[in-house]
Amino acid sequence: MDYSRELNISPQVINTMRQSNEPWGIKDKNSCWIFGNQACKDFQNFHSSFDYEGRYDNELPWDGAEFAKEYVIHDQSVIRNKLRVCSLETYIFWKEQNL
C-alpha cells in the first residue's frame, strides 16, 4: 500500500526527498515508517531494494533498532511541540562502518 498517497503527502515532497543526497524519512503519527530515501538506506547500510513502508523502528535490520522506544518518545515530542527536536546518535553508519 502507498501510505504517502493515503496520508495525502505531496508527490513533490516525496520527489524532493527521493532526489536528495541527504537522508530523509517520513513516519506517521504512530512512528510507523512511510518513506525513506536512498540516502537514508545508504546511511543505515540497507540494500537499495529495502522498503521502510509499514515498518516500525524495532523492525529495521540495524543496530539502532534497540533504541526504538527512545525514537518513539522523540517522535511524540516533535508531534506534541510542533517543533524540530535534534538528537545526537552514535552508531556504525554507512558501508564504510563510520562511527
PDB file of N, CA and C in Angstrom:
ATOM      1  N   MET A   1       0.839  -1.170   0.000  1.00  0.00           N
ATOM      2  CA  MET A   1       0.000   0.000   0.000  1.00  0.00           C
ATOM      3  C   MET A   1       0.890   1.242   0.000  1.00  0.00           C
ATOM      4  N   ASP A   2       0.487   2.265  -0.694  1.00  0.00           N
ATOM      5  CA  ASP A   2       1.248   3.511  -0.758  1.00  0.00           C
ATOM      6  C   ASP A   2       0.701   4.481   0.292  1.00  0.00           C
ATOM      7  N   TYR A   3       1.289   4.442   1.497  1.00  0.00           N
ATOM      8  CA  TYR A   3       0.815   5.281   2.591  1.00  0.00           C
ATOM      9  C   TYR A   3       0.968   6.760   2.297  1.00  0.00           C
ATOM     10  N   SER A   4       1.960   7.131   1.484  1.00  0.00           N
ATOM     11  CA  SER A   4       2.146   8.553   1.189  1.00  0.00           C
ATOM     12  C   SER A   4       0.923   9.121   0.484  1.00  0.00           C
ATOM     13  N   ARG A   5       0.287   8.328  -0.362  1.00  0.00           N
ATOM     14  CA  ARG A   5      -0.948   8.797  -1.014  1.00  0.00           C
ATOM     15  C   ARG A   5      -2.112   8.778  -0.040  1.00  0.00           C
ATOM     16  N   GLU A   6      -2.197   7.702   0.756  1.00  0.00           N
ATOM     17  CA  GLU A   6      -3.286   7.581   1.721  1.00  0.00           C
ATOM     18  C   GLU A   6      -3.270   8.736   2.716  1.00  0.00           C
ATOM     19  N   LEU A   7      -2.084   9.183   3.112  1.00  0.00           N
ATOM     20  CA  LEU A   7      -1.951  10.273   4.072  1.00  0.00           C
ATOM     21  C   LEU A   7      -1.886  11.638   3.400  1.00  0.00           C
ATOM     22  N   ASN A   8      -2.069  11.658   2.097  1.00  0.00           N
ATOM     23  CA  ASN A   8      -2.110  12.898   1.334  1.00  0.00           C
ATOM     24  C   ASN A   8      -0.805  13.688   1.429  1.00  0.00           C
ATOM     25  N   ILE A   9       0.315  12.983   1.300  1.00  0.00           N
ATOM     26  CA  ILE A   9       1.623  13.642   1.267  1.00  0.00           C
ATOM     27  C   ILE A   9       1.907  14.037  -0.175  1.00  0.00           C
ATOM     28  N   SER A  10       2.273  15.268  -0.371  1.00  0.00           N
ATOM     29  CA  SER A  10       2.502  15.807  -1.702  1.00  0.00           C
ATOM     30  C   SER A  10       3.525  14.981  -2.480  1.00  0.00           C
ATOM     31  N   PRO A  11       3.217  14.621  -3.725  1.00  0.00           N
ATOM     32  CA  PRO A  11       4.198  13.930  -4.560  1.00  0.00           C
ATOM     33  C   PRO A  11       5.471  14.754  -4.755  1.00  0.00           C
ATOM     34  N   GLN A  12       5.345  16.090  -4.720  1.00  0.00           N
ATOM     35  CA  GLN A  12       6.517  16.947  -4.857  1.00  0.00           C
ATOM     36  C   GLN A  12       7.451  16.791  -3.654  1.00  0.00           C
ATOM     37  N   VAL A  13       6.874  16.629  -2.460  1.00  0.00           N
ATOM     38  CA  VAL A  13       7.691  16.422  -1.260  1.00  0.00           C
ATOM     39  C   VAL A  13       8.434  15.096  -1.369  1.00  0.00           C
ATOM     40  N   ILE A  14       7.719  14.044  -1.744  1.00  0.00           N
ATOM     41  CA  ILE A  14       8.343  12.725  -1.900  1.00  0.00           C
ATOM     42  C   ILE A  14       9.436  12.788  -2.961  1.00  0.00           C
ATOM     43  N   ASN A  15       9.164  13.436  -4.084  1.00  0.00           N
ATOM     44  CA  ASN A  15      10.151  13.529  -5.161  1.00  0.00           C
ATOM     45  C   ASN A  15      11.392  14.301  -4.711  1.00  0.00           C
ATOM     46  N   THR A  16      11.190  15.397  -3.977  1.00  0.00           N
ATOM     47  CA  THR A  16      12.324  16.174  -3.470  1.00  0.00           C
ATOM     48  C   THR A  16      13.186  15.319  -2.550  1.00  0.00           C
ATOM     49  N   MET A  17      12.549  14.583  -1.657  1.00  0.00           N
ATOM     50  CA  MET A  17      13.296  13.695  -0.759  1.00  0.00           C
ATOM     51  C   MET A  17      13.984  12.581  -1.537  1.00  0.00           C
ATOM     52  N   ARG A  18      13.307  12.046  -2.508  1.00  0.00           N
ATOM     53  CA  ARG A  18      13.864  10.954  -3.312  1.00  0.00           C
ATOM     54  C   ARG A  18      15.131  11.408  -4.040  1.00  0.00           C
ATOM     55  N   GLN A  19      15.170  12.654  -4.495  1.00  0.00           N
ATOM     56  CA  GLN A  19      16.307  13.175  -5.253  1.00  0.00           C
ATOM     57  C   GLN A  19      17.450  13.661  -4.369  1.00  0.00           C
ATOM     58  N   SER A  20      17.185  13.853  -3.090  1.00  0.00           N
ATOM     59  CA  SER A  20      18.177  14.427  -2.181  1.00  0.00           C
ATOM     60  C   SER A  20      19.299  13.442  -1.862  1.00  0.00           C
ATOM     61  N   ASN A  21      20.499  13.981  -1.693  1.00  0.00           N
ATOM     62  CA  ASN A  21      21.638  13.183  -1.244  1.00  0.00           C
ATOM     63  C   ASN A  21      21.713  13.101   0.277  1.00  0.00           C
ATOM     64  N   GLU A  22      20.821  13.798   0.957  1.00  0.00           N
ATOM     65  CA  GLU A  22      20.739  13.763   2.416  1.00  0.00           C
ATOM     66  C   GLU A  22      19.711  12.716   2.833  1.00  0.00           C
ATOM     67  N   PRO A  23      19.944  12.022   3.948  1.00  0.00           N
ATOM     68  CA  PRO A  23      18.956  11.038   4.420  1.00  0.00           C
ATOM     69  C   PRO A  23      17.656  11.721   4.852  1.00  0.00           C
ATOM     70  N   TRP A  24      16.546  11.278   4.279  1.00  0.00           N
ATOM     71  CA  TRP A  24      15.222  11.788   4.613  1.00  0.00           C
ATOM     72  C   TRP A  24      14.283  10.616   4.830  1.00  0.00           C
ATOM     73  N   GLY A  25      13.394  10.770   5.798  1.00  0.00           N
ATOM     74  CA  GLY A  25      12.374   9.761   6.032  1.00  0.00           C
ATOM     75  C   GLY A  25      11.102  10.406   6.539  1.00  0.00           C
ATOM     76  N   ILE A  26      10.006   9.678   6.396  1.00  0.00           N
ATOM     77  CA  ILE A  26       8.706  10.138   6.882  1.00  0.00           C
ATOM     78  C   ILE A  26       8.096   9.007   7.697  1.00  0.00           C
ATOM     79  N   LYS A  27       7.570   9.378   8.872  1.00  0.00           N
ATOM     80  CA  LYS A  27       6.825   8.432   9.703  1.00  0.00           C
ATOM     81  C   LYS A  27       5.433   9.000   9.947  1.00  0.00           C
ATOM     82  N   ASP A  28       4.490   8.116  10.277  1.00  0.00           N
ATOM     83  CA  ASP A  28       3.157   8.596  10.621  1.00  0.00           C
ATOM     84  C   ASP A  28       3.094   8.924  12.115  1.00  0.00           C
ATOM     85  N   LYS A  29       1.917   9.300  12.596  1.00  0.00           N
ATOM     86  CA  LYS A  29       1.772   9.715  13.999  1.00  0.00           C
ATOM     87  C   LYS A  29       2.005   8.576  14.985  1.00  0.00           C
ATOM     88  N   ASN A  30       2.030   7.342  14.500  1.00  0.00           N
ATOM     89  CA  ASN A  30       2.297   6.180  15.349  1.00  0.00           C
ATOM     90  C   ASN A  30       3.746   5.710  15.244  1.00  0.00           C
ATOM     91  N   SER A  31       4.586   6.525  14.628  1.00  0.00           N
ATOM     92  CA  SER A  31       6.010   6.219  14.416  1.00  0.00           C
ATOM     93  C   SER A  31       6.231   5.053  13.464  1.00  0.00           C
ATOM     94  N   CYS A  32       5.285   4.830  12.587  1.00  0.00           N
ATOM     95  CA  CYS A  32       5.422   3.804  11.550  1.00  0.00           C
ATOM     96  C   CYS A  32       6.009   4.472  10.304  1.00  0.00           C
ATOM     97  N   TRP A  33       7.040   3.841   9.754  1.00  0.00           N
ATOM     98  CA  TRP A  33       7.697   4.407   8.578  1.00  0.00           C
ATOM     99  C   TRP A  33       6.758   4.414   7.375  1.00  0.00           C
ATOM    100  N   ILE A  34       6.785   5.521   6.651  1.00  0.00           N
ATOM    101  CA  ILE A  34       6.046   5.670   5.405  1.00  0.00           C
ATOM    102  C   ILE A  34       7.015   5.677   4.234  1.00  0.00           C
ATOM    103  N   PHE A  35       8.151   6.343   4.429  1.00  0.00           N
ATOM    104  CA  PHE A  35       9.094   6.516   3.328  1.00  0.00           C
ATOM    105  C   PHE A  35      10.497   6.755   3.874  1.00  0.00           C
ATOM    106  N   GLY A  36      11.488   6.224   3.181  1.00  0.00           N
ATOM    107  CA  GLY A  36      12.892   6.537   3.424  1.00  0.00           C
ATOM    108  C   GLY A  36      13.587   6.594   2.072  1.00  0.00           C
ATOM    109  N   ASN A  37      14.347   7.649   1.822  1.00  0.00           N
ATOM    110  CA  ASN A  37      15.000   7.782   0.516  1.00  0.00           C
ATOM    111  C   ASN A  37      16.262   6.913   0.434  1.00  0.00           C
ATOM    112  N   GLN A  38      16.894   6.901  -0.733  1.00  0.00           N
ATOM    113  CA  GLN A  38      18.078   6.067  -0.939  1.00  0.00           C
ATOM    114  C   GLN A  38      19.218   6.473  -0.006  1.00  0.00           C
ATOM    115  N   ALA A  39      19.374   7.772   0.231  1.00  0.00           N
ATOM    116  CA  ALA A  39      20.425   8.221   1.148  1.00  0.00           C
ATOM    117  C   ALA A  39      20.181   7.689   2.560  1.00  0.00           C
ATOM    118  N   CYS A  40      18.935   7.585   2.951  1.00  0.00           N
ATOM    119  CA  CYS A  40      18.591   7.015   4.255  1.00  0.00           C
ATOM    120  C   CYS A  40      18.959   5.531   4.285  1.00  0.00           C
ATOM    121  N   LYS A  41      18.679   4.829   3.204  1.00  0.00           N
ATOM    122  CA  LYS A  41      19.050   3.407   3.100  1.00  0.00           C
ATOM    123  C   LYS A  41      20.563   3.241   3.142  1.00  0.00           C
ATOM    124  N   ASP A  42      21.274   4.095   2.419  1.00  0.00           N
ATOM    125  CA  ASP A  42      22.738   4.034   2.418  1.00  0.00           C
ATOM    126  C   ASP A  42      23.286   4.306   3.817  1.00  0.00           C
ATOM    127  N   PHE A  43      22.722   5.302   4.471  1.00  0.00           N
ATOM    128  CA  PHE A  43      23.124   5.711   5.815  1.00  0.00           C
ATOM    129  C   PHE A  43      23.024   4.546   6.797  1.00  0.00           C
ATOM    130  N   GLN A  44      21.943   3.767   6.675  1.00  0.00           N
ATOM    131  CA  GLN A  44      21.725   2.638   7.581  1.00  0.00           C
ATOM    132  C   GLN A  44      22.270   1.327   7.016  1.00  0.00           C
ATOM    133  N   ASN A  45      22.940   1.433   5.874  1.00  0.00           N
ATOM    134  CA  ASN A  45      23.554   0.280   5.220  1.00  0.00           C
ATOM    135  C   ASN A  45      22.522  -0.770   4.814  1.00  0.00           C
ATOM    136  N   PHE A  46      21.367  -0.305   4.303  1.00  0.00           N
ATOM    137  CA  PHE A  46      20.326  -1.192   3.798  1.00  0.00           C
ATOM    138  C   PHE A  46      20.480  -1.336   2.295  1.00  0.00           C
ATOM    139  N   HIS A  47      20.063  -2.458   1.774  1.00  0.00           N
ATOM    140  CA  HIS A  47      20.071  -2.684   0.328  1.00  0.00           C
ATOM    141  C   HIS A  47      19.125  -1.682  -0.334  1.00  0.00           C
ATOM    142  N   SER A  48      19.406  -1.317  -1.560  1.00  0.00           N
ATOM    143  CA  SER A  48      18.586  -0.320  -2.265  1.00  0.00           C
ATOM    144  C   SER A  48      17.138  -0.768  -2.431  1.00  0.00           C
ATOM    145  N   SER A  49      16.878  -2.066  -2.381  1.00  0.00           N
ATOM    146  CA  SER A  49      15.501  -2.557  -2.539  1.00  0.00           C
ATOM    147  C   SER A  49      14.731  -2.575  -1.212  1.00  0.00           C
ATOM    148  N   PHE A  50      15.399  -2.217  -0.103  1.00  0.00           N
ATOM    149  CA  PHE A  50      14.727  -2.234   1.199  1.00  0.00           C
ATOM    150  C   PHE A  50      13.553  -1.274   1.185  1.00  0.00           C
ATOM    151  N   ASP A  51      12.426  -1.693   1.762  1.00  0.00           N
ATOM    152  CA  ASP A  51      11.225  -0.866   1.820  1.00  0.00           C
ATOM    153  C   ASP A  51      10.885  -0.562   3.277  1.00  0.00           C
ATOM    154  N   TYR A  52      10.941   0.701   3.661  1.00  0.00           N
ATOM    155  CA  TYR A  52      10.611   1.124   5.018  1.00  0.00           C
ATOM    156  C   TYR A  52       9.113   1.047   5.298  1.00  0.00           C
ATOM    157  N   GLU A  53       8.305   1.211   4.267  1.00  0.00           N
ATOM    158  CA  GLU A  53       6.873   1.396   4.435  1.00  0.00           C
ATOM    159  C   GLU A  53       6.237   0.311   5.301  1.00  0.00           C
ATOM    160  N   GLY A  54       5.508   0.760   6.325  1.00  0.00           N
ATOM    161  CA  GLY A  54       4.781  -0.147   7.200  1.00  0.00           C
ATOM    162  C   GLY A  54       5.605  -0.738   8.331  1.00  0.00           C
ATOM    163  N   ARG A  55       6.861  -0.352   8.446  1.00  0.00           N
ATOM    164  CA  ARG A  55       7.734  -0.902   9.496  1.00  0.00           C
ATOM    165  C   ARG A  55       7.908   0.103  10.635  1.00  0.00           C
ATOM    166  N   TYR A  56       8.163  -0.451  11.796  1.00  0.00           N
ATOM    167  CA  TYR A  56       8.488   0.357  12.966  1.00  0.00           C
ATOM    168  C   TYR A  56       9.987   0.262  13.214  1.00  0.00           C
ATOM    169  N   ASP A  57      10.519   1.193  13.999  1.00  0.00           N
ATOM    170  CA  ASP A  57      11.968   1.227  14.223  1.00  0.00           C
ATOM    171  C   ASP A  57      12.515  -0.095  14.750  1.00  0.00           C
ATOM    172  N   ASN A  58      11.750  -0.772  15.598  1.00  0.00           N
ATOM    173  CA  ASN A  58      12.238  -2.038  16.142  1.00  0.00           C
ATOM    174  C   ASN A  58      12.243  -3.157  15.106  1.00  0.00           C
ATOM    175  N   GLU A  59      11.672  -2.911  13.931  1.00  0.00           N
ATOM    176  CA  GLU A  59      11.641  -3.902  12.857  1.00  0.00           C
ATOM    177  C   GLU A  59      12.720  -3.661  11.802  1.00  0.00           C
ATOM    178  N   LEU A  60      13.472  -2.586  11.949  1.00  0.00           N
ATOM    179  CA  LEU A  60      14.519  -2.288  10.980  1.00  0.00           C
ATOM    180  C   LEU A  60      15.763  -3.115  11.292  1.00  0.00           C
ATOM    181  N   PRO A  61      16.402  -3.655  10.256  1.00  0.00           N
ATOM    182  CA  PRO A  61      17.551  -4.548  10.463  1.00  0.00           C
ATOM    183  C   PRO A  61      18.874  -3.800  10.658  1.00  0.00           C
ATOM    184  N   TRP A  62      18.980  -3.064  11.766  1.00  0.00           N
ATOM    185  CA  TRP A  62      20.227  -2.373  12.065  1.00  0.00           C
ATOM    186  C   TRP A  62      20.371  -2.230  13.573  1.00  0.00           C
ATOM    187  N   ASP A  63      21.561  -1.907  14.038  1.00  0.00           N
ATOM    188  CA  ASP A  63      21.847  -1.847  15.472  1.00  0.00           C
ATOM    189  C   ASP A  63      21.026  -0.800  16.217  1.00  0.00           C
ATOM    190  N   GLY A  64      20.616   0.255  15.548  1.00  0.00           N
ATOM    191  CA  GLY A  64      19.831   1.302  16.191  1.00  0.00           C
ATOM    192  C   GLY A  64      18.434   0.869  16.576  1.00  0.00           C
ATOM    193  N   ALA A  65      17.966  -0.268  16.079  1.00  0.00           N
ATOM    194  CA  ALA A  65      16.617  -0.747  16.381  1.00  0.00           C
ATOM    195  C   ALA A  65      16.409  -0.982  17.872  1.00  0.00           C
ATOM    196  N   GLU A  66      17.481  -1.234  18.592  1.00  0.00           N
ATOM    197  CA  GLU A  66      17.355  -1.478  20.032  1.00  0.00           C
ATOM    198  C   GLU A  66      16.888  -0.234  20.785  1.00  0.00           C
ATOM    199  N   PHE A  67      16.947   0.929  20.146  1.00  0.00           N
ATOM    200  CA  PHE A  67      16.524   2.174  20.773  1.00  0.00           C
ATOM    201  C   PHE A  67      15.148   2.633  20.278  1.00  0.00           C
ATOM    202  N   ALA A  68      14.353   1.712  19.797  1.00  0.00           N
ATOM    203  CA  ALA A  68      13.046   2.044  19.216  1.00  0.00           C
ATOM    204  C   ALA A  68      12.169   2.830  20.186  1.00  0.00           C
ATOM    205  N   LYS A  69      12.159   2.474  21.452  1.00  0.00           N
ATOM    206  CA  LYS A  69      11.324   3.190  22.427  1.00  0.00           C
ATOM    207  C   LYS A  69      11.745   4.652  22.525  1.00  0.00           C
ATOM    208  N   GLU A  70      13.044   4.894  22.505  1.00  0.00           N
ATOM    209  CA  GLU A  70      13.535   6.267  22.566  1.00  0.00           C
ATOM    210  C   GLU A  70      13.152   7.046  21.308  1.00  0.00           C
ATOM    211  N   TYR A  71      13.163   6.384  20.157  1.00  0.00           N
ATOM    212  CA  TYR A  71      12.753   7.049  18.916  1.00  0.00           C
ATOM    213  C   TYR A  71      11.282   7.443  18.972  1.00  0.00           C
ATOM    214  N   VAL A  72      10.447   6.575  19.527  1.00  0.00           N
ATOM    215  CA  VAL A  72       9.019   6.886  19.644  1.00  0.00           C
ATOM    216  C   VAL A  72       8.828   8.085  20.569  1.00  0.00           C
ATOM    217  N   ILE A  73       9.542   8.118  21.683  1.00  0.00           N
ATOM    218  CA  ILE A  73       9.466   9.266  22.597  1.00  0.00           C
ATOM    219  C   ILE A  73       9.887  10.538  21.867  1.00  0.00           C
ATOM    220  N   HIS A  74      10.939  10.455  21.081  1.00  0.00           N
ATOM    221  CA  HIS A  74      11.414  11.597  20.290  1.00  0.00           C
ATOM    222  C   HIS A  74      10.345  12.024  19.284  1.00  0.00           C
ATOM    223  N   ASP A  75       9.783  11.062  18.558  1.00  0.00           N
ATOM    224  CA  ASP A  75       8.741  11.365  17.568  1.00  0.00           C
ATOM    225  C   ASP A  75       7.552  12.052  18.224  1.00  0.00           C
ATOM    226  N   GLN A  76       7.112  11.539  19.373  1.00  0.00           N
ATOM    227  CA  GLN A  76       5.958  12.115  20.056  1.00  0.00           C
ATOM    228  C   GLN A  76       6.253  13.526  20.560  1.00  0.00           C
ATOM    229  N   SER A  77       7.487  13.785  20.957  1.00  0.00           N
ATOM    230  CA  SER A  77       7.879  15.126  21.378  1.00  0.00           C
ATOM    231  C   SER A  77       7.773  16.109  20.215  1.00  0.00           C
ATOM    232  N   VAL A  78       8.209  15.675  19.046  1.00  0.00           N
ATOM    233  CA  VAL A  78       8.108  16.520  17.848  1.00  0.00           C
ATOM    234  C   VAL A  78       6.643  16.825  17.545  1.00  0.00           C
ATOM    235  N   ILE A  79       5.802  15.800  17.594  1.00  0.00           N
ATOM    236  CA  ILE A  79       4.373  15.982  17.306  1.00  0.00           C
ATOM    237  C   ILE A  79       3.734  16.906  18.339  1.00  0.00           C
ATOM    238  N   ARG A  80       3.995  16.657  19.606  1.00  0.00           N
ATOM    239  CA  ARG A  80       3.383  17.427  20.688  1.00  0.00           C
ATOM    240  C   ARG A  80       3.799  18.900  20.637  1.00  0.00           C
ATOM    241  N   ASN A  81       5.087  19.158  20.433  1.00  0.00           N
ATOM    242  CA  ASN A  81       5.599  20.530  20.464  1.00  0.00           C
ATOM    243  C   ASN A  81       5.553  21.237  19.118  1.00  0.00           C
ATOM    244  N   LYS A  82       5.302  20.467  18.060  1.00  0.00           N
ATOM    245  CA  LYS A  82       5.252  21.014  16.700  1.00  0.00           C
ATOM    246  C   LYS A  82       6.534  21.772  16.355  1.00  0.00           C
ATOM    247  N   LEU A  83       7.643  21.225  16.849  1.00  0.00           N
ATOM    248  CA  LEU A  83       8.956  21.793  16.582  1.00  0.00           C
ATOM    249  C   LEU A  83       9.934  20.673  16.282  1.00  0.00           C
ATOM    250  N   ARG A  84      10.939  20.993  15.519  1.00  0.00           N
ATOM    251  CA  ARG A  84      12.013  20.036  15.271  1.00  0.00           C
ATOM    252  C   ARG A  84      12.775  19.820  16.572  1.00  0.00           C
ATOM    253  N   VAL A  85      13.111  18.589  16.846  1.00  0.00           N
ATOM    254  CA  VAL A  85      13.908  18.250  18.018  1.00  0.00           C
ATOM    255  C   VAL A  85      15.138  17.507  17.523  1.00  0.00           C
ATOM    256  N   CYS A  86      16.298  18.107  17.724  1.00  0.00           N
ATOM    257  CA  CYS A  86      17.540  17.478  17.269  1.00  0.00           C
ATOM    258  C   CYS A  86      17.955  16.369  18.221  1.00  0.00           C
ATOM    259  N   SER A  87      18.644  15.400  17.670  1.00  0.00           N
ATOM    260  CA  SER A  87      19.184  14.326  18.502  1.00  0.00           C
ATOM    261  C   SER A  87      20.582  13.989  18.010  1.00  0.00           C
ATOM    262  N   LEU A  88      21.384  13.492  18.913  1.00  0.00           N
ATOM    263  CA  LEU A  88      22.730  13.055  18.581  1.00  0.00           C
ATOM    264  C   LEU A  88      22.771  11.547  18.778  1.00  0.00           C
ATOM    265  N   GLU A  89      23.086  10.831  17.715  1.00  0.00           N
ATOM    266  CA  GLU A  89      23.109   9.376  17.761  1.00  0.00           C
ATOM    267  C   GLU A  89      24.485   8.889  17.343  1.00  0.00           C
ATOM    268  N   THR A  90      24.992   7.908  18.046  1.00  0.00           N
ATOM    269  CA  THR A  90      26.288   7.336  17.690  1.00  0.00           C
ATOM    270  C   THR A  90      26.124   5.846  17.430  1.00  0.00           C
ATOM    271  N   TYR A  91      26.288   5.490  16.187  1.00  0.00           N
ATOM    272  CA  TYR A  91      26.213   4.108  15.721  1.00  0.00           C
ATOM    273  C   TYR A  91      27.245   3.949  14.622  1.00  0.00           C
ATOM    274  N   ILE A  92      27.392   2.731  14.186  1.00  0.00           N
ATOM    275  CA  ILE A  92      28.197   2.470  12.998  1.00  0.00           C
ATOM    276  C   ILE A  92      27.288   2.697  11.793  1.00  0.00           C
ATOM    277  N   PHE A  93      27.651   3.661  10.940  1.00  0.00           N
ATOM    278  CA  PHE A  93      26.841   4.023   9.783  1.00  0.00           C
ATOM    279  C   PHE A  93      27.605   3.777   8.494  1.00  0.00           C
ATOM    280  N   TRP A  94      26.874   3.753   7.403  1.00  0.00           N
ATOM    281  CA  TRP A  94      27.403   3.641   6.053  1.00  0.00           C
ATOM    282  C   TRP A  94      28.127   2.305   5.851  1.00  0.00           C
ATOM    283  N   LYS A  95      28.396   1.999   4.620  1.00  0.00           N
ATOM    284  CA  LYS A  95      29.108   0.763   4.284  1.00  0.00           C
ATOM    285  C   LYS A  95      30.531   0.773   4.813  1.00  0.00           C
ATOM    286  N   GLU A  96      31.083   1.975   4.968  1.00  0.00           N
ATOM    287  CA  GLU A  96      32.454   2.112   5.458  1.00  0.00           C
ATOM    288  C   GLU A  96      32.546   1.887   6.960  1.00  0.00           C
ATOM    289  N   GLN A  97      31.395   1.686   7.616  1.00  0.00           N
ATOM    290  CA  GLN A  97      31.339   1.448   9.059  1.00  0.00           C
ATOM    291  C   GLN A  97      31.883   2.626   9.856  1.00  0.00           C
ATOM    292  N   ASN A  98      31.445   3.830   9.496  1.00  0.00           N
ATOM    293  CA  ASN A  98      31.856   5.041  10.205  1.00  0.00           C
ATOM    294  C   ASN A  98      31.085   5.183  11.506  1.00  0.00           C
ATOM    295  N   LEU A  99      31.776   5.639  12.533  1.00  0.00           N
ATOM    296  CA  LEU A  99      31.119   5.911  13.808  1.00  0.00           C
ATOM    297  C   LEU A  99      30.762   7.372  13.880  1.00  0.00           C
TER     298      LEU A  99
END
